[in-house]
């Protein structure tokens, strides 16, 4: 793979990983609140 093609690939993969992790973190925080309200 040429260097010109490698850098955009890395940036796309890195962006996807960051978005996924941030969404998972937000969903986990909301689920914790839901569980706490159910347990009361």
N, C-alpha and C. Protein backbone atom coordinates (compact mmCIF):
# COMPACT_ATOMS: atom_id res chain seq x y z
N UNK A 1 0.85 -1.18 0.00
CA UNK A 1 0.00 0.00 0.00
C UNK A 1 0.89 1.24 0.00
N UNK A 2 0.58 2.16 -0.89
CA UNK A 2 1.39 3.38 -0.96
C UNK A 2 1.09 4.30 0.21
N UNK A 3 2.06 5.13 0.50
CA UNK A 3 1.92 6.05 1.64
C UNK A 3 0.73 7.00 1.45
N UNK A 4 0.47 7.42 0.22
CA UNK A 4 -0.63 8.36 -0.05
C UNK A 4 -1.98 7.74 0.29
N UNK A 5 -2.09 6.42 0.14
CA UNK A 5 -3.35 5.74 0.43
C UNK A 5 -3.44 5.31 1.90
N UNK A 6 -2.30 5.20 2.54
CA UNK A 6 -2.26 4.68 3.91
C UNK A 6 -2.74 5.71 4.93
N UNK A 7 -2.37 6.97 4.74
CA UNK A 7 -2.72 8.00 5.73
C UNK A 7 -4.23 8.25 5.78
N UNK A 8 -4.94 8.40 4.67
CA UNK A 8 -6.40 8.54 4.77
C UNK A 8 -7.06 7.31 5.39
N UNK A 9 -6.52 6.13 5.11
CA UNK A 9 -7.07 4.90 5.69
C UNK A 9 -6.95 4.95 7.21
N UNK A 10 -5.80 5.33 7.72
CA UNK A 10 -5.59 5.42 9.17
C UNK A 10 -6.53 6.46 9.77
N UNK A 11 -6.68 7.60 9.12
CA UNK A 11 -7.55 8.64 9.68
C UNK A 11 -9.00 8.19 9.68
N UNK A 12 -9.44 7.48 8.66
CA UNK A 12 -10.81 6.96 8.63
C UNK A 12 -11.04 5.94 9.73
N UNK A 13 -10.12 5.02 9.90
CA UNK A 13 -10.25 3.99 10.93
C UNK A 13 -10.21 4.62 12.32
N UNK A 14 -9.30 5.56 12.53
CA UNK A 14 -9.20 6.22 13.83
C UNK A 14 -10.48 6.97 14.15
N UNK A 15 -11.03 7.67 13.16
CA UNK A 15 -12.28 8.41 13.36
C UNK A 15 -13.42 7.45 13.74
N UNK A 16 -13.52 6.33 13.05
CA UNK A 16 -14.57 5.36 13.34
C UNK A 16 -14.43 4.80 14.76
N UNK A 17 -13.21 4.52 15.18
CA UNK A 17 -12.98 3.99 16.52
C UNK A 17 -13.36 5.02 17.58
N UNK A 18 -12.97 6.26 17.38
CA UNK A 18 -13.28 7.32 18.35
C UNK A 18 -14.78 7.53 18.46
N UNK A 19 -15.48 7.56 17.33
CA UNK A 19 -16.93 7.75 17.36
C UNK A 19 -17.60 6.59 18.07
N UNK A 20 -17.19 5.37 17.77
CA UNK A 20 -17.78 4.19 18.40
C UNK A 20 -17.57 4.19 19.90
N UNK A 21 -16.36 4.48 20.34
CA UNK A 21 -16.08 4.48 21.78
C UNK A 21 -16.85 5.58 22.50
N UNK A 22 -16.97 6.75 21.88
CA UNK A 22 -17.70 7.83 22.54
C UNK A 22 -19.18 7.49 22.64
N UNK A 23 -19.75 6.88 21.60
CA UNK A 23 -21.16 6.49 21.66
C UNK A 23 -21.38 5.40 22.70
N UNK A 24 -20.48 4.43 22.77
CA UNK A 24 -20.61 3.38 23.78
C UNK A 24 -20.54 3.97 25.19
N UNK A 25 -19.66 4.93 25.39
CA UNK A 25 -19.53 5.56 26.71
C UNK A 25 -20.82 6.28 27.09
N UNK A 26 -21.41 7.01 26.13
CA UNK A 26 -22.65 7.74 26.42
C UNK A 26 -23.80 6.78 26.70
N UNK A 27 -23.89 5.70 25.93
CA UNK A 27 -24.96 4.72 26.15
C UNK A 27 -24.79 4.05 27.51
N UNK A 28 -23.54 3.76 27.88
CA UNK A 28 -23.30 3.12 29.17
C UNK A 28 -23.72 4.03 30.32
N UNK A 29 -23.44 5.31 30.21
CA UNK A 29 -23.82 6.25 31.26
C UNK A 29 -25.34 6.33 31.39
N UNK A 30 -26.04 6.32 30.27
CA UNK A 30 -27.50 6.37 30.31
C UNK A 30 -28.08 5.08 30.88
N UNK A 31 -27.49 3.95 30.52
CA UNK A 31 -27.97 2.67 31.05
C UNK A 31 -27.78 2.61 32.56
N UNK A 32 -26.68 3.15 33.05
CA UNK A 32 -26.46 3.17 34.50
C UNK A 32 -27.57 3.96 35.19
N UNK A 33 -27.96 5.09 34.60
CA UNK A 33 -29.03 5.88 35.20
C UNK A 33 -30.36 5.14 35.17
N UNK A 34 -30.63 4.43 34.09
CA UNK A 34 -31.88 3.66 33.98
C UNK A 34 -31.90 2.55 35.03
N UNK A 35 -30.79 1.85 35.18
CA UNK A 35 -30.72 0.76 36.17
C UNK A 35 -30.91 1.31 37.58
N UNK A 36 -30.31 2.44 37.88
CA UNK A 36 -30.46 3.04 39.21
C UNK A 36 -31.90 3.45 39.46
N UNK A 37 -32.57 3.99 38.45
CA UNK A 37 -33.96 4.40 38.66
C UNK A 37 -34.88 3.19 38.81
N UNK A 38 -34.56 2.09 38.15
CA UNK A 38 -35.37 0.88 38.30
C UNK A 38 -35.17 0.28 39.69
N UNK A 39 -33.92 0.24 40.14
CA UNK A 39 -33.64 -0.34 41.45
C UNK A 39 -34.15 0.57 42.57
N UNK A 40 -34.28 1.83 42.30
CA UNK A 40 -34.92 2.79 43.13
C UNK A 40 -34.38 3.18 44.40
